[in-house]
Amino acid sequence: MPKASSRCSRTLHTKIARWINRLDRTPNRKVWHNYRETALTYQVSYLARLNYVHQNPVRHGLVPVANQYPWCSAGWFENTASPVMVKAIYRFNEAAVQVEDDFEPNAEW
């Protein structure tokens, strides 16, 4: 029997995917591509992954600085969090985060 949190996540993802596809008029499009649920038990793990997510557009060569990518939360984070917090998060070694990532940016972007 799946955990309640897994059932909840699956239900949430299904409802959100259907809602987004209705808005975009793209039925049956895969929305949660490569989604993985991970229970983070250490604050350092969370903070390193937060930096990893912010640095994704840079890692994939889309922009030279993460806050320049319009669909990245890095710009919001930098404008909302304290400068000390931003500096602390960006010091975490996101390269040490082991995540399968086969994303290839669209050449037209």
PDB file of N, CA and C in Angstrom:
ATOM      1  N   MET A   1       0.842  -1.186   0.000  1.00  0.00           N
ATOM      2  CA  MET A   1       0.000   0.000   0.000  1.00  0.00           C
ATOM      3  C   MET A   1       0.885   1.246   0.000  1.00  0.00           C
ATOM      4  N   PRO A   2       0.713   2.178  -0.932  1.00  0.00           N
ATOM      5  CA  PRO A   2       1.543   3.389  -0.981  1.00  0.00           C
ATOM      6  C   PRO A   2       1.318   4.262   0.248  1.00  0.00           C
ATOM      7  N   LYS A   3       2.343   4.993   0.601  1.00  0.00           N
ATOM      8  CA  LYS A   3       2.230   5.934   1.708  1.00  0.00           C
ATOM      9  C   LYS A   3       1.187   6.994   1.383  1.00  0.00           C
ATOM     10  N   ALA A   4       0.580   7.523   2.443  1.00  0.00           N
ATOM     11  CA  ALA A   4      -0.433   8.571   2.246  1.00  0.00           C
ATOM     12  C   ALA A   4       0.159   9.774   1.540  1.00  0.00           C
ATOM     13  N   SER A   5       1.415  10.122   1.869  1.00  0.00           N
ATOM     14  CA  SER A   5       2.036  11.286   1.226  1.00  0.00           C
ATOM     15  C   SER A   5       2.240  11.045  -0.270  1.00  0.00           C
ATOM     16  N   SER A   6       2.560   9.799  -0.661  1.00  0.00           N
ATOM     17  CA  SER A   6       2.724   9.479  -2.073  1.00  0.00           C
ATOM     18  C   SER A   6       1.396   9.564  -2.808  1.00  0.00           C
ATOM     19  N   ARG A   7       0.334   9.052  -2.180  1.00  0.00           N
ATOM     20  CA  ARG A   7      -0.995   9.132  -2.796  1.00  0.00           C
ATOM     21  C   ARG A   7      -1.415  10.591  -2.927  1.00  0.00           C
ATOM     22  N   CYS A   8      -1.139  11.367  -1.898  1.00  0.00           N
ATOM     23  CA  CYS A   8      -1.490  12.795  -1.927  1.00  0.00           C
ATOM     24  C   CYS A   8      -0.737  13.503  -3.050  1.00  0.00           C
ATOM     25  N   SER A   9       0.556  13.257  -3.160  1.00  0.00           N
ATOM     26  CA  SER A   9       1.364  13.878  -4.223  1.00  0.00           C
ATOM     27  C   SER A   9       0.861  13.476  -5.598  1.00  0.00           C
ATOM     28  N   ARG A  10       0.570  12.194  -5.772  1.00  0.00           N
ATOM     29  CA  ARG A  10       0.099  11.707  -7.065  1.00  0.00           C
ATOM     30  C   ARG A  10      -1.234  12.367  -7.444  1.00  0.00           C
ATOM     31  N   THR A  11      -2.138  12.464  -6.465  1.00  0.00           N
ATOM     32  CA  THR A  11      -3.431  13.106  -6.714  1.00  0.00           C
ATOM     33  C   THR A  11      -3.246  14.583  -7.050  1.00  0.00           C
ATOM     34  N   LEU A  12      -2.410  15.262  -6.281  1.00  0.00           N
ATOM     35  CA  LEU A  12      -2.135  16.680  -6.532  1.00  0.00           C
ATOM     36  C   LEU A  12      -1.549  16.886  -7.921  1.00  0.00           C
ATOM     37  N   HIS A  13      -0.567  16.080  -8.283  1.00  0.00           N
ATOM     38  CA  HIS A  13       0.077  16.216  -9.595  1.00  0.00           C
ATOM     39  C   HIS A  13      -0.912  15.951 -10.730  1.00  0.00           C
ATOM     40  N   THR A  14      -1.760  14.955 -10.550  1.00  0.00           N
ATOM     41  CA  THR A  14      -2.763  14.654 -11.584  1.00  0.00           C
ATOM     42  C   THR A  14      -3.700  15.832 -11.781  1.00  0.00           C
ATOM     43  N   LYS A  15      -4.194  16.385 -10.691  1.00  0.00           N
ATOM     44  CA  LYS A  15      -5.149  17.499 -10.788  1.00  0.00           C
ATOM     45  C   LYS A  15      -4.486  18.745 -11.382  1.00  0.00           C
ATOM     46  N   ILE A  16      -3.256  19.036 -10.959  1.00  0.00           N
ATOM     47  CA  ILE A  16      -2.548  20.202 -11.489  1.00  0.00           C
ATOM     48  C   ILE A  16      -2.252  20.019 -12.978  1.00  0.00           C
ATOM     49  N   ALA A  17      -1.806  18.825 -13.366  1.00  0.00           N
ATOM     50  CA  ALA A  17      -1.494  18.560 -14.776  1.00  0.00           C
ATOM     51  C   ALA A  17      -2.735  18.733 -15.643  1.00  0.00           C
ATOM     52  N   ARG A  18      -3.861  18.202 -15.195  1.00  0.00           N
ATOM     53  CA  ARG A  18      -5.101  18.355 -15.969  1.00  0.00           C
ATOM     54  C   ARG A  18      -5.512  19.815 -16.070  1.00  0.00           C
ATOM     55  N   TRP A  19      -5.379  20.541 -14.970  1.00  0.00           N
ATOM     56  CA  TRP A  19      -5.742  21.975 -14.955  1.00  0.00           C
ATOM     57  C   TRP A  19      -4.868  22.764 -15.923  1.00  0.00           C
ATOM     58  N   ILE A  20      -3.550  22.530 -15.868  1.00  0.00           N
ATOM     59  CA  ILE A  20      -2.626  23.241 -16.758  1.00  0.00           C
ATOM     60  C   ILE A  20      -2.914  22.888 -18.218  1.00  0.00           C
ATOM     61  N   ASN A  21      -3.130  21.616 -18.490  1.00  0.00           N
ATOM     62  CA  ASN A  21      -3.413  21.202 -19.865  1.00  0.00           C
ATOM     63  C   ASN A  21      -4.731  21.775 -20.370  1.00  0.00           C
ATOM     64  N   ARG A  22      -5.723  21.919 -19.487  1.00  0.00           N
ATOM     65  CA  ARG A  22      -6.979  22.572 -19.896  1.00  0.00           C
ATOM     66  C   ARG A  22      -6.720  24.028 -20.239  1.00  0.00           C
ATOM     67  N   LEU A  23      -5.926  24.716 -19.412  1.00  0.00           N
ATOM     68  CA  LEU A  23      -5.606  26.122 -19.680  1.00  0.00           C
ATOM     69  C   LEU A  23      -4.900  26.292 -21.021  1.00  0.00           C
ATOM     70  N   ASP A  24      -3.963  25.383 -21.301  1.00  0.00           N
ATOM     71  CA  ASP A  24      -3.174  25.457 -22.541  1.00  0.00           C
ATOM     72  C   ASP A  24      -3.832  24.743 -23.721  1.00  0.00           C
ATOM     73  N   ARG A  25      -4.956  24.115 -23.465  1.00  0.00           N
ATOM     74  CA  ARG A  25      -5.657  23.336 -24.496  1.00  0.00           C
ATOM     75  C   ARG A  25      -4.743  22.284 -25.120  1.00  0.00           C
ATOM     76  N   THR A  26      -4.031  21.562 -24.256  1.00  0.00           N
ATOM     77  CA  THR A  26      -3.121  20.498 -24.690  1.00  0.00           C
ATOM     78  C   THR A  26      -3.421  19.233 -23.883  1.00  0.00           C
ATOM     79  N   PRO A  27      -4.510  18.547 -24.210  1.00  0.00           N
ATOM     80  CA  PRO A  27      -4.883  17.362 -23.429  1.00  0.00           C
ATOM     81  C   PRO A  27      -3.803  16.275 -23.475  1.00  0.00           C
ATOM     82  N   ASN A  28      -3.642  15.620 -22.363  1.00  0.00           N
ATOM     83  CA  ASN A  28      -2.738  14.472 -22.212  1.00  0.00           C
ATOM     84  C   ASN A  28      -1.247  14.801 -22.334  1.00  0.00           C
ATOM     85  N   ARG A  29      -0.894  16.074 -22.332  1.00  0.00           N
ATOM     86  CA  ARG A  29       0.530  16.438 -22.340  1.00  0.00           C
ATOM     87  C   ARG A  29       1.139  16.044 -20.991  1.00  0.00           C
ATOM     88  N   LYS A  30       2.358  15.553 -21.008  1.00  0.00           N
ATOM     89  CA  LYS A  30       3.055  15.181 -19.784  1.00  0.00           C
ATOM     90  C   LYS A  30       3.572  16.460 -19.128  1.00  0.00           C
ATOM     91  N   VAL A  31       3.133  16.729 -17.902  1.00  0.00           N
ATOM     92  CA  VAL A  31       3.489  17.965 -17.214  1.00  0.00           C
ATOM     93  C   VAL A  31       4.585  17.739 -16.184  1.00  0.00           C
ATOM     94  N   TRP A  32       4.511  16.676 -15.424  1.00  0.00           N
ATOM     95  CA  TRP A  32       5.477  16.415 -14.347  1.00  0.00           C
ATOM     96  C   TRP A  32       6.593  15.514 -14.860  1.00  0.00           C
ATOM     97  N   HIS A  33       7.312  15.935 -15.874  1.00  0.00           N
ATOM     98  CA  HIS A  33       8.393  15.149 -16.472  1.00  0.00           C
ATOM     99  C   HIS A  33       9.568  15.032 -15.502  1.00  0.00           C
ATOM    100  N   ASN A  34      10.024  13.821 -15.290  1.00  0.00           N
ATOM    101  CA  ASN A  34      11.174  13.527 -14.421  1.00  0.00           C
ATOM    102  C   ASN A  34      10.979  13.980 -12.983  1.00  0.00           C
ATOM    103  N   TYR A  35       9.762  14.018 -12.515  1.00  0.00           N
ATOM    104  CA  TYR A  35       9.517  14.395 -11.126  1.00  0.00           C
ATOM    105  C   TYR A  35       9.955  13.253 -10.214  1.00  0.00           C
ATOM    106  N   ARG A  36      10.690  13.589  -9.177  1.00  0.00           N
ATOM    107  CA  ARG A  36      11.081  12.614  -8.165  1.00  0.00           C
ATOM    108  C   ARG A  36      10.829  13.224  -6.793  1.00  0.00           C
ATOM    109  N   GLU A  37      10.213  12.459  -5.945  1.00  0.00           N
ATOM    110  CA  GLU A  37       9.976  12.917  -4.580  1.00  0.00           C
ATOM    111  C   GLU A  37      11.104  12.398  -3.699  1.00  0.00           C
ATOM    112  N   THR A  38      11.726  13.280  -2.961  1.00  0.00           N
ATOM    113  CA  THR A  38      12.810  12.904  -2.062  1.00  0.00           C
ATOM    114  C   THR A  38      12.549  13.529  -0.707  1.00  0.00           C
ATOM    115  N   ALA A  39      12.612  12.707   0.304  1.00  0.00           N
ATOM    116  CA  ALA A  39      12.463  13.226   1.668  1.00  0.00           C
ATOM    117  C   ALA A  39      13.832  13.698   2.134  1.00  0.00           C
ATOM    118  N   LEU A  40      13.975  14.981   2.290  1.00  0.00           N
ATOM    119  CA  LEU A  40      15.248  15.545   2.741  1.00  0.00           C
ATOM    120  C   LEU A  40      15.251  15.586   4.260  1.00  0.00           C
ATOM    121  N   THR A  41      16.283  15.017   4.829  1.00  0.00           N
ATOM    122  CA  THR A  41      16.333  14.917   6.285  1.00  0.00           C
ATOM    123  C   THR A  41      17.364  15.849   6.911  1.00  0.00           C
ATOM    124  N   TYR A  42      18.174  16.480   6.096  1.00  0.00           N
ATOM    125  CA  TYR A  42      19.192  17.390   6.610  1.00  0.00           C
ATOM    126  C   TYR A  42      19.015  18.763   5.965  1.00  0.00           C
ATOM    127  N   GLN A  43      19.135  19.794   6.761  1.00  0.00           N
ATOM    128  CA  GLN A  43      18.981  21.154   6.239  1.00  0.00           C
ATOM    129  C   GLN A  43      19.992  21.430   5.125  1.00  0.00           C
ATOM    130  N   VAL A  44      21.202  20.937   5.274  1.00  0.00           N
ATOM    131  CA  VAL A  44      22.239  21.157   4.261  1.00  0.00           C
ATOM    132  C   VAL A  44      21.809  20.562   2.919  1.00  0.00           C
ATOM    133  N   SER A  45      21.161  19.400   2.946  1.00  0.00           N
ATOM    134  CA  SER A  45      20.678  18.784   1.706  1.00  0.00           C
ATOM    135  C   SER A  45      19.666  19.688   1.017  1.00  0.00           C
ATOM    136  N   TYR A  46      18.757  20.248   1.795  1.00  0.00           N
ATOM    137  CA  TYR A  46      17.743  21.146   1.234  1.00  0.00           C
ATOM    138  C   TYR A  46      18.399  22.384   0.615  1.00  0.00           C
ATOM    139  N   LEU A  47      19.314  22.993   1.356  1.00  0.00           N
ATOM    140  CA  LEU A  47      19.940  24.234   0.889  1.00  0.00           C
ATOM    141  C   LEU A  47      20.788  24.004  -0.356  1.00  0.00           C
ATOM    142  N   ALA A  48      21.494  22.886  -0.420  1.00  0.00           N
ATOM    143  CA  ALA A  48      22.289  22.556  -1.613  1.00  0.00           C
ATOM    144  C   ALA A  48      21.366  22.351  -2.817  1.00  0.00           C
ATOM    145  N   ARG A  49      20.230  21.699  -2.602  1.00  0.00           N
ATOM    146  CA  ARG A  49      19.280  21.482  -3.698  1.00  0.00           C
ATOM    147  C   ARG A  49      18.600  22.778  -4.126  1.00  0.00           C
ATOM    148  N   LEU A  50      18.359  23.666  -3.181  1.00  0.00           N
ATOM    149  CA  LEU A  50      17.801  24.970  -3.534  1.00  0.00           C
ATOM    150  C   LEU A  50      18.768  25.706  -4.462  1.00  0.00           C
ATOM    151  N   ASN A  51      20.034  25.694  -4.141  1.00  0.00           N
ATOM    152  CA  ASN A  51      21.030  26.313  -5.010  1.00  0.00           C
ATOM    153  C   ASN A  51      21.096  25.583  -6.356  1.00  0.00           C
ATOM    154  N   TYR A  52      20.995  24.251  -6.327  1.00  0.00           N
ATOM    155  CA  TYR A  52      21.007  23.457  -7.565  1.00  0.00           C
ATOM    156  C   TYR A  52      19.873  23.898  -8.489  1.00  0.00           C
ATOM    157  N   VAL A  53      18.679  24.038  -7.941  1.00  0.00           N
ATOM    158  CA  VAL A  53      17.518  24.441  -8.752  1.00  0.00           C
ATOM    159  C   VAL A  53      17.734  25.838  -9.323  1.00  0.00           C
ATOM    160  N   HIS A  54      18.250  26.751  -8.513  1.00  0.00           N
ATOM    161  CA  HIS A  54      18.485  28.111  -8.999  1.00  0.00           C
ATOM    162  C   HIS A  54      19.531  28.143 -10.108  1.00  0.00           C
ATOM    163  N   GLN A  55      20.516  27.279 -10.033  1.00  0.00           N
ATOM    164  CA  GLN A  55      21.614  27.310 -11.003  1.00  0.00           C
ATOM    165  C   GLN A  55      21.348  26.484 -12.259  1.00  0.00           C
ATOM    166  N   ASN A  56      20.216  25.793 -12.334  1.00  0.00           N
ATOM    167  CA  ASN A  56      19.903  24.968 -13.511  1.00  0.00           C
ATOM    168  C   ASN A  56      19.992  25.714 -14.839  1.00  0.00           C
ATOM    169  N   PRO A  57      19.430  26.916 -14.974  1.00  0.00           N
ATOM    170  CA  PRO A  57      19.518  27.603 -16.276  1.00  0.00           C
ATOM    171  C   PRO A  57      20.958  27.920 -16.678  1.00  0.00           C
ATOM    172  N   VAL A  58      21.808  28.164 -15.700  1.00  0.00           N
ATOM    173  CA  VAL A  58      23.229  28.426 -15.983  1.00  0.00           C
ATOM    174  C   VAL A  58      23.897  27.126 -16.415  1.00  0.00           C
ATOM    175  N   ARG A  59      23.627  26.062 -15.674  1.00  0.00           N
ATOM    176  CA  ARG A  59      24.226  24.750 -15.957  1.00  0.00           C
ATOM    177  C   ARG A  59      23.909  24.299 -17.383  1.00  0.00           C
ATOM    178  N   HIS A  60      22.735  24.639 -17.866  1.00  0.00           N
ATOM    179  CA  HIS A  60      22.323  24.207 -19.207  1.00  0.00           C
ATOM    180  C   HIS A  60      22.620  25.245 -20.284  1.00  0.00           C
ATOM    181  N   GLY A  61      23.355  26.284 -19.923  1.00  0.00           N
ATOM    182  CA  GLY A  61      23.805  27.259 -20.913  1.00  0.00           C
ATOM    183  C   GLY A  61      22.726  28.195 -21.432  1.00  0.00           C
ATOM    184  N   LEU A  62      21.627  28.327 -20.696  1.00  0.00           N
ATOM    185  CA  LEU A  62      20.548  29.201 -21.149  1.00  0.00           C
ATOM    186  C   LEU A  62      20.825  30.664 -20.847  1.00  0.00           C
ATOM    187  N   VAL A  63      21.497  30.930 -19.754  1.00  0.00           N
ATOM    188  CA  VAL A  63      21.840  32.290 -19.338  1.00  0.00           C
ATOM    189  C   VAL A  63      23.173  32.245 -18.596  1.00  0.00           C
ATOM    190  N   PRO A  64      23.892  33.370 -18.552  1.00  0.00           N
ATOM    191  CA  PRO A  64      25.151  33.385 -17.803  1.00  0.00           C
ATOM    192  C   PRO A  64      24.929  33.491 -16.287  1.00  0.00           C
ATOM    193  N   VAL A  65      23.797  34.081 -15.874  1.00  0.00           N
ATOM    194  CA  VAL A  65      23.477  34.270 -14.460  1.00  0.00           C
ATOM    195  C   VAL A  65      22.032  33.817 -14.253  1.00  0.00           C
ATOM    196  N   ALA A  66      21.792  33.018 -13.217  1.00  0.00           N
ATOM    197  CA  ALA A  66      20.482  32.384 -13.016  1.00  0.00           C
ATOM    198  C   ALA A  66      19.329  33.378 -12.969  1.00  0.00           C
ATOM    199  N   ASN A  67      19.525  34.531 -12.358  1.00  0.00           N
ATOM    200  CA  ASN A  67      18.404  35.474 -12.224  1.00  0.00           C
ATOM    201  C   ASN A  67      17.986  36.104 -13.551  1.00  0.00           C
ATOM    202  N   GLN A  68      18.717  35.845 -14.620  1.00  0.00           N
ATOM    203  CA  GLN A  68      18.355  36.355 -15.941  1.00  0.00           C
ATOM    204  C   GLN A  68      17.364  35.444 -16.668  1.00  0.00           C
ATOM    205  N   TYR A  69      17.181  34.228 -16.163  1.00  0.00           N
ATOM    206  CA  TYR A  69      16.256  33.296 -16.793  1.00  0.00           C
ATOM    207  C   TYR A  69      14.847  33.606 -16.286  1.00  0.00           C
ATOM    208  N   PRO A  70      13.913  33.947 -17.172  1.00  0.00           N
ATOM    209  CA  PRO A  70      12.606  34.434 -16.721  1.00  0.00           C
ATOM    210  C   PRO A  70      11.756  33.414 -15.971  1.00  0.00           C
ATOM    211  N   TRP A  71      12.023  32.119 -16.135  1.00  0.00           N
ATOM    212  CA  TRP A  71      11.204  31.102 -15.470  1.00  0.00           C
ATOM    213  C   TRP A  71      11.922  30.488 -14.281  1.00  0.00           C
ATOM    214  N   CYS A  72      12.936  31.144 -13.787  1.00  0.00           N
ATOM    215  CA  CYS A  72      13.708  30.656 -12.644  1.00  0.00           C
ATOM    216  C   CYS A  72      13.345  31.478 -11.407  1.00  0.00           C
ATOM    217  N   SER A  73      13.304  30.832 -10.267  1.00  0.00           N
ATOM    218  CA  SER A  73      12.974  31.522  -9.024  1.00  0.00           C
ATOM    219  C   SER A  73      14.161  32.284  -8.442  1.00  0.00           C
ATOM    220  N   ALA A  74      15.330  32.206  -9.060  1.00  0.00           N
ATOM    221  CA  ALA A  74      16.519  32.865  -8.516  1.00  0.00           C
ATOM    222  C   ALA A  74      16.333  34.374  -8.389  1.00  0.00           C
ATOM    223  N   GLY A  75      15.748  35.008  -9.384  1.00  0.00           N
ATOM    224  CA  GLY A  75      15.534  36.460  -9.320  1.00  0.00           C
ATOM    225  C   GLY A  75      14.626  36.847  -8.180  1.00  0.00           C
ATOM    226  N   TRP A  76      13.515  36.106  -8.022  1.00  0.00           N
ATOM    227  CA  TRP A  76      12.603  36.366  -6.911  1.00  0.00           C
ATOM    228  C   TRP A  76      13.322  36.171  -5.581  1.00  0.00           C
ATOM    229  N   PHE A  77      14.060  35.069  -5.473  1.00  0.00           N
ATOM    230  CA  PHE A  77      14.795  34.758  -4.248  1.00  0.00           C
ATOM    231  C   PHE A  77      15.772  35.881  -3.902  1.00  0.00           C
ATOM    232  N   GLU A  78      16.517  36.345  -4.882  1.00  0.00           N
ATOM    233  CA  GLU A  78      17.506  37.392  -4.636  1.00  0.00           C
ATOM    234  C   GLU A  78      16.855  38.711  -4.228  1.00  0.00           C
ATOM    235  N   ASN A  79      15.648  38.977  -4.723  1.00  0.00           N
ATOM    236  CA  ASN A  79      14.942  40.216  -4.374  1.00  0.00           C
ATOM    237  C   ASN A  79      14.159  40.116  -3.073  1.00  0.00           C
ATOM    238  N   THR A  80      13.887  38.899  -2.626  1.00  0.00           N
ATOM    239  CA  THR A  80      13.041  38.699  -1.454  1.00  0.00           C
ATOM    240  C   THR A  80      13.837  38.353  -0.201  1.00  0.00           C
ATOM    241  N   ALA A  81      14.808  37.477  -0.335  1.00  0.00           N
ATOM    242  CA  ALA A  81      15.616  37.054   0.816  1.00  0.00           C
ATOM    243  C   ALA A  81      16.646  38.126   1.161  1.00  0.00           C
ATOM    244  N   SER A  82      17.150  38.039   2.362  1.00  0.00           N
ATOM    245  CA  SER A  82      18.189  38.986   2.767  1.00  0.00           C
ATOM    246  C   SER A  82      19.472  38.700   1.989  1.00  0.00           C
ATOM    247  N   PRO A  83      20.296  39.722   1.774  1.00  0.00           N
ATOM    248  CA  PRO A  83      21.567  39.494   1.069  1.00  0.00           C
ATOM    249  C   PRO A  83      22.426  38.429   1.747  1.00  0.00           C
ATOM    250  N   VAL A  84      22.377  38.370   3.064  1.00  0.00           N
ATOM    251  CA  VAL A  84      23.154  37.357   3.795  1.00  0.00           C
ATOM    252  C   VAL A  84      22.643  35.954   3.466  1.00  0.00           C
ATOM    253  N   MET A  85      21.315  35.791   3.404  1.00  0.00           N
ATOM    254  CA  MET A  85      20.722  34.490   3.081  1.00  0.00           C
ATOM    255  C   MET A  85      21.070  34.090   1.657  1.00  0.00           C
ATOM    256  N   VAL A  86      20.960  35.009   0.722  1.00  0.00           N
ATOM    257  CA  VAL A  86      21.287  34.712  -0.678  1.00  0.00           C
ATOM    258  C   VAL A  86      22.739  34.256  -0.783  1.00  0.00           C
ATOM    259  N   LYS A  87      23.622  34.985  -0.171  1.00  0.00           N
ATOM    260  CA  LYS A  87      25.044  34.637  -0.214  1.00  0.00           C
ATOM    261  C   LYS A  87      25.292  33.260   0.410  1.00  0.00           C
ATOM    262  N   ALA A  88      24.619  32.981   1.522  1.00  0.00           N
ATOM    263  CA  ALA A  88      24.788  31.695   2.195  1.00  0.00           C
ATOM    264  C   ALA A  88      24.300  30.538   1.315  1.00  0.00           C
ATOM    265  N   ILE A  89      23.122  30.694   0.704  1.00  0.00           N
ATOM    266  CA  ILE A  89      22.570  29.625  -0.142  1.00  0.00           C
ATOM    267  C   ILE A  89      23.462  29.399  -1.350  1.00  0.00           C
ATOM    268  N   TYR A  90      23.921  30.468  -1.969  1.00  0.00           N
ATOM    269  CA  TYR A  90      24.735  30.327  -3.178  1.00  0.00           C
ATOM    270  C   TYR A  90      26.130  29.774  -2.884  1.00  0.00           C
ATOM    271  N   ARG A  91      26.495  29.681  -1.638  1.00  0.00           N
ATOM    272  CA  ARG A  91      27.789  29.067  -1.276  1.00  0.00           C
ATOM    273  C   ARG A  91      27.708  27.545  -1.234  1.00  0.00           C
ATOM    274  N   PHE A  92      26.492  26.991  -1.150  1.00  0.00           N
ATOM    275  CA  PHE A  92      26.374  25.539  -1.093  1.00  0.00           C
ATOM    276  C   PHE A  92      26.768  24.948  -2.434  1.00  0.00           C
ATOM    277  N   ASN A  93      27.473  23.832  -2.376  1.00  0.00           N
ATOM    278  CA  ASN A  93      28.015  23.201  -3.567  1.00  0.00           C
ATOM    279  C   ASN A  93      26.921  22.422  -4.291  1.00  0.00           C
ATOM    280  N   GLU A  94      26.275  23.063  -5.227  1.00  0.00           N
ATOM    281  CA  GLU A  94      25.204  22.392  -5.952  1.00  0.00           C
ATOM    282  C   GLU A  94      25.744  21.320  -6.882  1.00  0.00           C
ATOM    283  N   ALA A  95      27.014  21.374  -7.226  1.00  0.00           N
ATOM    284  CA  ALA A  95      27.608  20.362  -8.094  1.00  0.00           C
ATOM    285  C   ALA A  95      27.655  19.002  -7.402  1.00  0.00           C
ATOM    286  N   ALA A  96      27.626  18.987  -6.084  1.00  0.00           N
ATOM    287  CA  ALA A  96      27.653  17.729  -5.335  1.00  0.00           C
ATOM    288  C   ALA A  96      26.292  17.042  -5.307  1.00  0.00           C
ATOM    289  N   VAL A  97      25.250  17.736  -5.720  1.00  0.00           N
ATOM    290  CA  VAL A  97      23.910  17.139  -5.742  1.00  0.00           C
ATOM    291  C   VAL A  97      23.846  16.173  -6.920  1.00  0.00           C
ATOM    292  N   GLN A  98      23.552  14.927  -6.629  1.00  0.00           N
ATOM    293  CA  GLN A  98      23.508  13.887  -7.658  1.00  0.00           C
ATOM    294  C   GLN A  98      22.083  13.722  -8.167  1.00  0.00           C
ATOM    295  N   VAL A  99      21.791  14.335  -9.306  1.00  0.00           N
ATOM    296  CA  VAL A  99      20.464  14.264  -9.903  1.00  0.00           C
ATOM    297  C   VAL A  99      20.623  13.897 -11.377  1.00  0.00           C
ATOM    298  N   GLU A 100      19.869  12.891 -11.813  1.00  0.00           N
ATOM    299  CA  GLU A 100      19.884  12.542 -13.233  1.00  0.00           C
ATOM    300  C   GLU A 100      19.271  13.700 -14.007  1.00  0.00           C
ATOM    301  N   ASP A 101      19.985  14.200 -14.990  1.00  0.00           N
ATOM    302  CA  ASP A 101      19.513  15.381 -15.708  1.00  0.00           C
ATOM    303  C   ASP A 101      19.907  15.273 -17.172  1.00  0.00           C
ATOM    304  N   ASP A 102      18.974  14.819 -17.998  1.00  0.00           N
ATOM    305  CA  ASP A 102      19.258  14.665 -19.424  1.00  0.00           C
ATOM    306  C   ASP A 102      18.612  15.783 -20.256  1.00  0.00           C
ATOM    307  N   PHE A 103      18.331  16.904 -19.617  1.00  0.00           N
ATOM    308  CA  PHE A 103      17.678  18.027 -20.301  1.00  0.00           C
ATOM    309  C   PHE A 103      18.587  18.609 -21.379  1.00  0.00           C
ATOM    310  N   GLU A 104      18.007  18.827 -22.530  1.00  0.00           N
ATOM    311  CA  GLU A 104      18.706  19.497 -23.632  1.00  0.00           C
ATOM    312  C   GLU A 104      17.901  20.737 -23.981  1.00  0.00           C
ATOM    313  N   PRO A 105      18.468  21.939 -23.835  1.00  0.00           N
ATOM    314  CA  PRO A 105      17.703  23.145 -24.162  1.00  0.00           C
ATOM    315  C   PRO A 105      17.357  23.231 -25.640  1.00  0.00           C
ATOM    316  N   ASN A 106      16.235  23.828 -25.923  1.00  0.00           N
ATOM    317  CA  ASN A 106      15.805  24.041 -27.290  1.00  0.00           C
ATOM    318  C   ASN A 106      16.717  25.088 -27.939  1.00  0.00           C
ATOM    319  N   ALA A 107      17.240  24.782 -29.095  1.00  0.00           N
ATOM    320  CA  ALA A 107      18.170  25.684 -29.779  1.00  0.00           C
ATOM    321  C   ALA A 107      17.525  27.021 -30.107  1.00  0.00           C
ATOM    322  N   GLU A 108      16.188  27.069 -30.235  1.00  0.00           N
ATOM    323  CA  GLU A 108      15.503  28.306 -30.567  1.00  0.00           C
ATOM    324  C   GLU A 108      15.405  29.263 -29.378  1.00  0.00           C
ATOM    325  N   TRP A 109      15.610  28.765 -28.170  1.00  0.00           N
ATOM    326  CA  TRP A 109      15.508  29.626 -26.996  1.00  0.00           C
ATOM    327  C   TRP A 109      16.645  30.590 -27.008  1.00  0.00           C
TER     328      TRP A 109
END
